Amino acid sequence: MIDSTISSPASEPLDALSRELLTVRAADTPLDLEPHVDGLSRLAALGMVRARVRGGTTLGLAEAMMSVVREAAAGRLNPQRPEHVLAQLLFRVHPSTAGLDPVAARKRTREARRLTPRHFRAREEPRLCRLVAQAVLELAAEFDEAASGE
């Protein structure tokens, strides 16, 4: 697992994907994400996302993006690690935030950390997105490896 405090040229794809996940996290449904898919080039370029697109539409792309991100957040993060639980809360894959809208999930995650809204948005939310971005990249790498082995 990559340390989220290290910044290097090798971490640039991770940083770029982390920024894109802020947009994905804020979308309640694929319809909410659809107008933003043109700005999510890193996520759209993942083979795992491309393989899940149905119909070749921007809505299909948005649905595939949300599916991959949710799968990574739910299945790749360790629920025994507090920071991973916070990321799951934020991305609404944790049972206590699964039925909430993105704003309510952000609020619940912020309250769990007992942070001010300003501090949460400036520091904690990007850090949690980075954890999910790492999980997405690991999942995508496994997908690509399996696809190339066939």
C-alpha atoms as a PDB file:
ATOM      1  CA  MET A   1       0.000   0.000   0.000  1.00  0.00           C
ATOM      2  CA  ILE A   2       1.361   3.425  -0.921  1.00  0.00           C
ATOM      3  CA  ASP A   3       1.802   5.952   1.880  1.00  0.00           C
ATOM      4  CA  SER A   4      -0.577   8.839   1.201  1.00  0.00           C
ATOM      5  CA  THR A   5       1.926  11.379   2.572  1.00  0.00           C
ATOM      6  CA  ILE A   6       4.546  10.699  -0.094  1.00  0.00           C
ATOM      7  CA  SER A   7       4.468  12.836  -3.217  1.00  0.00           C
ATOM      8  CA  SER A   8       6.622  11.917  -6.194  1.00  0.00           C
ATOM      9  CA  PRO A   9       6.366  11.798  -9.976  1.00  0.00           C
ATOM     10  CA  ALA A  10       5.234   8.187  -9.622  1.00  0.00           C
ATOM     11  CA  SER A  11       2.302   9.322  -7.487  1.00  0.00           C
ATOM     12  CA  GLU A  12       0.977  11.749 -10.132  1.00  0.00           C
ATOM     13  CA  PRO A  13      -1.497   9.217 -11.649  1.00  0.00           C
ATOM     14  CA  LEU A  14      -2.727   8.477  -8.132  1.00  0.00           C
ATOM     15  CA  ASP A  15      -3.120  12.183  -7.385  1.00  0.00           C
ATOM     16  CA  ALA A  16      -4.965  12.818 -10.653  1.00  0.00           C
ATOM     17  CA  LEU A  17      -7.314   9.894 -10.048  1.00  0.00           C
ATOM     18  CA  SER A  18      -7.882  11.091  -6.470  1.00  0.00           C
ATOM     19  CA  ARG A  19      -9.046  14.460  -7.794  1.00  0.00           C
ATOM     20  CA  GLU A  20     -11.414  12.730 -10.220  1.00  0.00           C
ATOM     21  CA  LEU A  21     -12.861  10.650  -7.388  1.00  0.00           C
ATOM     22  CA  LEU A  22     -13.964  13.840  -5.644  1.00  0.00           C
ATOM     23  CA  THR A  23     -16.384  14.297  -8.551  1.00  0.00           C
ATOM     24  CA  VAL A  24     -17.508  10.667  -8.522  1.00  0.00           C
ATOM     25  CA  ARG A  25     -18.041  10.768  -4.766  1.00  0.00           C
ATOM     26  CA  ALA A  26     -20.277  13.818  -5.056  1.00  0.00           C
ATOM     27  CA  ALA A  27     -22.605  12.149  -7.585  1.00  0.00           C
ATOM     28  CA  ASP A  28     -25.679  10.436  -6.210  1.00  0.00           C
ATOM     29  CA  THR A  29     -26.481   8.510  -9.398  1.00  0.00           C
ATOM     30  CA  PRO A  30     -24.915   7.899 -12.817  1.00  0.00           C
ATOM     31  CA  LEU A  31     -27.253  10.610 -14.156  1.00  0.00           C
ATOM     32  CA  ASP A  32     -25.584  13.088 -11.792  1.00  0.00           C
ATOM     33  CA  LEU A  33     -22.142  11.997 -12.961  1.00  0.00           C
ATOM     34  CA  GLU A  34     -22.900  11.875 -16.688  1.00  0.00           C
ATOM     35  CA  PRO A  35     -22.317  15.620 -17.388  1.00  0.00           C
ATOM     36  CA  HIS A  36     -18.852  15.337 -15.813  1.00  0.00           C
ATOM     37  CA  VAL A  37     -17.476  12.223 -17.536  1.00  0.00           C
ATOM     38  CA  ASP A  38     -15.455  14.237 -20.078  1.00  0.00           C
ATOM     39  CA  GLY A  39     -13.359  15.575 -17.185  1.00  0.00           C
ATOM     40  CA  LEU A  40     -12.690  12.116 -15.747  1.00  0.00           C
ATOM     41  CA  SER A  41     -10.108  10.918 -18.267  1.00  0.00           C
ATOM     42  CA  ARG A  42      -7.966   8.877 -15.853  1.00  0.00           C
ATOM     43  CA  LEU A  43     -10.932   6.882 -14.634  1.00  0.00           C
ATOM     44  CA  ALA A  44     -12.370   6.494 -18.146  1.00  0.00           C
ATOM     45  CA  ALA A  45      -9.027   5.151 -19.409  1.00  0.00           C
ATOM     46  CA  LEU A  46      -9.011   2.186 -17.031  1.00  0.00           C
ATOM     47  CA  GLY A  47      -9.601  -1.079 -18.870  1.00  0.00           C
ATOM     48  CA  MET A  48     -11.923  -2.257 -16.130  1.00  0.00           C
ATOM     49  CA  VAL A  49     -14.160   0.779 -16.633  1.00  0.00           C
ATOM     50  CA  ARG A  50     -14.118   0.459 -20.442  1.00  0.00           C
ATOM     51  CA  ALA A  51     -15.060  -3.226 -20.175  1.00  0.00           C
ATOM     52  CA  ARG A  52     -18.156  -2.379 -18.131  1.00  0.00           C
ATOM     53  CA  VAL A  53     -19.562   0.356 -20.362  1.00  0.00           C
ATOM     54  CA  ARG A  54     -22.926  -0.629 -21.771  1.00  0.00           C
ATOM     55  CA  GLY A  55     -24.274   0.924 -24.911  1.00  0.00           C
ATOM     56  CA  GLY A  56     -21.276   3.141 -25.577  1.00  0.00           C
ATOM     57  CA  THR A  57     -23.027   6.188 -24.080  1.00  0.00           C
ATOM     58  CA  THR A  58     -21.849   8.740 -21.555  1.00  0.00           C
ATOM     59  CA  LEU A  59     -24.495   7.434 -19.172  1.00  0.00           C
ATOM     60  CA  GLY A  60     -23.089   3.922 -19.588  1.00  0.00           C
ATOM     61  CA  LEU A  61     -19.618   5.290 -18.907  1.00  0.00           C
ATOM     62  CA  ALA A  62     -20.834   7.099 -15.787  1.00  0.00           C
ATOM     63  CA  GLU A  63     -22.503   3.921 -14.551  1.00  0.00           C
ATOM     64  CA  ALA A  64     -19.321   1.896 -15.159  1.00  0.00           C
ATOM     65  CA  MET A  65     -17.207   4.482 -13.343  1.00  0.00           C
ATOM     66  CA  MET A  66     -19.459   4.486 -10.310  1.00  0.00           C
ATOM     67  CA  SER A  67     -19.555   0.693 -10.292  1.00  0.00           C
ATOM     68  CA  VAL A  68     -15.757   0.329 -10.328  1.00  0.00           C
ATOM     69  CA  VAL A  69     -15.250   2.983  -7.649  1.00  0.00           C
ATOM     70  CA  ARG A  70     -17.883   1.444  -5.374  1.00  0.00           C
ATOM     71  CA  GLU A  71     -16.436  -2.044  -5.897  1.00  0.00           C
ATOM     72  CA  ALA A  72     -12.943  -0.843  -4.992  1.00  0.00           C
ATOM     73  CA  ALA A  73     -14.146   1.073  -1.934  1.00  0.00           C
ATOM     74  CA  ALA A  74     -16.259  -1.804  -0.688  1.00  0.00           C
ATOM     75  CA  GLY A  75     -14.008  -4.727  -1.477  1.00  0.00           C
ATOM     76  CA  ARG A  76     -10.436  -3.454  -1.325  1.00  0.00           C
ATOM     77  CA  LEU A  77     -10.441  -1.364   1.827  1.00  0.00           C
ATOM     78  CA  ASN A  78      -9.904  -3.118   5.143  1.00  0.00           C
ATOM     79  CA  PRO A  79     -12.830  -2.520   7.548  1.00  0.00           C
ATOM     80  CA  GLN A  80     -10.431  -3.151  10.441  1.00  0.00           C
ATOM     81  CA  ARG A  81      -8.521   0.060   9.662  1.00  0.00           C
ATOM     82  CA  PRO A  82     -10.266   3.239  10.861  1.00  0.00           C
ATOM     83  CA  GLU A  83      -9.182   5.377   7.893  1.00  0.00           C
ATOM     84  CA  HIS A  84     -10.534   2.749   5.502  1.00  0.00           C
ATOM     85  CA  VAL A  85     -13.877   2.736   7.307  1.00  0.00           C
ATOM     86  CA  LEU A  86     -13.989   6.526   6.934  1.00  0.00           C
ATOM     87  CA  ALA A  87     -13.386   6.182   3.179  1.00  0.00           C
ATOM     88  CA  GLN A  88     -16.189   3.615   2.984  1.00  0.00           C
ATOM     89  CA  LEU A  89     -18.468   5.990   4.888  1.00  0.00           C
ATOM     90  CA  LEU A  90     -17.604   8.821   2.511  1.00  0.00           C
ATOM     91  CA  PHE A  91     -18.166   6.732  -0.631  1.00  0.00           C
ATOM     92  CA  ARG A  92     -21.442   5.325   0.741  1.00  0.00           C
ATOM     93  CA  VAL A  93     -20.462   1.665   0.669  1.00  0.00           C
ATOM     94  CA  HIS A  94     -20.555   1.339   4.456  1.00  0.00           C
ATOM     95  CA  PRO A  95     -23.920   0.128   5.824  1.00  0.00           C
ATOM     96  CA  SER A  96     -24.403   3.272   7.927  1.00  0.00           C
ATOM     97  CA  THR A  97     -24.143   5.606   4.910  1.00  0.00           C
ATOM     98  CA  ALA A  98     -25.361   3.335   2.086  1.00  0.00           C
ATOM     99  CA  GLY A  99     -28.815   4.919   2.014  1.00  0.00           C
ATOM    100  CA  LEU A 100     -27.648   8.518   2.335  1.00  0.00           C
ATOM    101  CA  ASP A 101     -27.092  11.136  -0.320  1.00  0.00           C
ATOM    102  CA  PRO A 102     -23.493  12.332  -0.878  1.00  0.00           C
ATOM    103  CA  VAL A 103     -23.881  15.441   1.284  1.00  0.00           C
ATOM    104  CA  ALA A 104     -25.258  13.511   4.247  1.00  0.00           C
ATOM    105  CA  ALA A 105     -22.536  10.868   3.872  1.00  0.00           C
ATOM    106  CA  ARG A 106     -19.866  13.576   3.879  1.00  0.00           C
ATOM    107  CA  LYS A 107     -21.409  15.107   6.982  1.00  0.00           C
ATOM    108  CA  ARG A 108     -21.554  11.764   8.789  1.00  0.00           C
ATOM    109  CA  THR A 109     -17.933  11.033   7.874  1.00  0.00           C
ATOM    110  CA  ARG A 110     -16.842  14.491   9.020  1.00  0.00           C
ATOM    111  CA  GLU A 111     -18.710  14.075  12.301  1.00  0.00           C
ATOM    112  CA  ALA A 112     -17.097  10.680  12.848  1.00  0.00           C
ATOM    113  CA  ARG A 113     -13.703  12.419  12.661  1.00  0.00           C
ATOM    114  CA  ARG A 114     -14.925  15.391  14.721  1.00  0.00           C
ATOM    115  CA  LEU A 115     -13.531  17.886  12.222  1.00  0.00           C
ATOM    116  CA  THR A 116     -14.747  21.276  11.107  1.00  0.00           C
ATOM    117  CA  PRO A 117     -16.257  21.351   7.599  1.00  0.00           C
ATOM    118  CA  ARG A 118     -13.370  23.460   6.349  1.00  0.00           C
ATOM    119  CA  HIS A 119     -10.677  21.136   7.684  1.00  0.00           C
ATOM    120  CA  PHE A 120     -12.512  18.067   6.421  1.00  0.00           C
ATOM    121  CA  ARG A 121     -12.819  19.394   2.863  1.00  0.00           C
ATOM    122  CA  ALA A 122      -9.271  20.721   2.752  1.00  0.00           C
ATOM    123  CA  ARG A 123      -7.396  17.780   4.241  1.00  0.00           C
ATOM    124  CA  GLU A 124      -9.405  14.720   5.166  1.00  0.00           C
ATOM    125  CA  GLU A 125     -11.649  14.292   2.113  1.00  0.00           C
ATOM    126  CA  PRO A 126      -8.727  14.362  -0.377  1.00  0.00           C
ATOM    127  CA  ARG A 127      -6.810  11.891   1.809  1.00  0.00           C
ATOM    128  CA  LEU A 128      -9.775   9.496   1.878  1.00  0.00           C
ATOM    129  CA  CYS A 129     -10.216   9.854  -1.889  1.00  0.00           C
ATOM    130  CA  ARG A 130      -6.561   8.943  -2.277  1.00  0.00           C
ATOM    131  CA  LEU A 131      -7.145   5.706  -0.344  1.00  0.00           C
ATOM    132  CA  VAL A 132     -10.005   4.813  -2.673  1.00  0.00           C
ATOM    133  CA  ALA A 133      -7.955   5.830  -5.730  1.00  0.00           C
ATOM    134  CA  GLN A 134      -5.220   3.420  -4.644  1.00  0.00           C
ATOM    135  CA  ALA A 135      -7.842   0.683  -4.267  1.00  0.00           C
ATOM    136  CA  VAL A 136      -9.201   1.459  -7.753  1.00  0.00           C
ATOM    137  CA  LEU A 137      -5.731   1.289  -9.290  1.00  0.00           C
ATOM    138  CA  GLU A 138      -4.993  -2.034  -7.562  1.00  0.00           C
ATOM    139  CA  LEU A 139      -8.302  -3.492  -8.743  1.00  0.00           C
ATOM    140  CA  ALA A 140      -7.710  -2.207 -12.283  1.00  0.00           C
ATOM    141  CA  ALA A 141      -4.187  -3.668 -12.344  1.00  0.00           C
ATOM    142  CA  GLU A 142      -5.549  -7.074 -11.352  1.00  0.00           C
ATOM    143  CA  PHE A 143      -8.200  -6.801 -14.057  1.00  0.00           C
ATOM    144  CA  ASP A 144      -5.610  -5.859 -16.682  1.00  0.00           C
ATOM    145  CA  GLU A 145      -3.342  -8.736 -15.603  1.00  0.00           C
ATOM    146  CA  ALA A 146      -6.211 -11.224 -15.811  1.00  0.00           C
ATOM    147  CA  ALA A 147      -7.305  -9.850 -19.190  1.00  0.00           C
ATOM    148  CA  SER A 148      -3.794 -10.089 -20.646  1.00  0.00           C
ATOM    149  CA  GLY A 149      -3.427 -13.635 -19.383  1.00  0.00           C
ATOM    150  CA  GLU A 150      -6.458 -14.868 -21.314  1.00  0.00           C
END
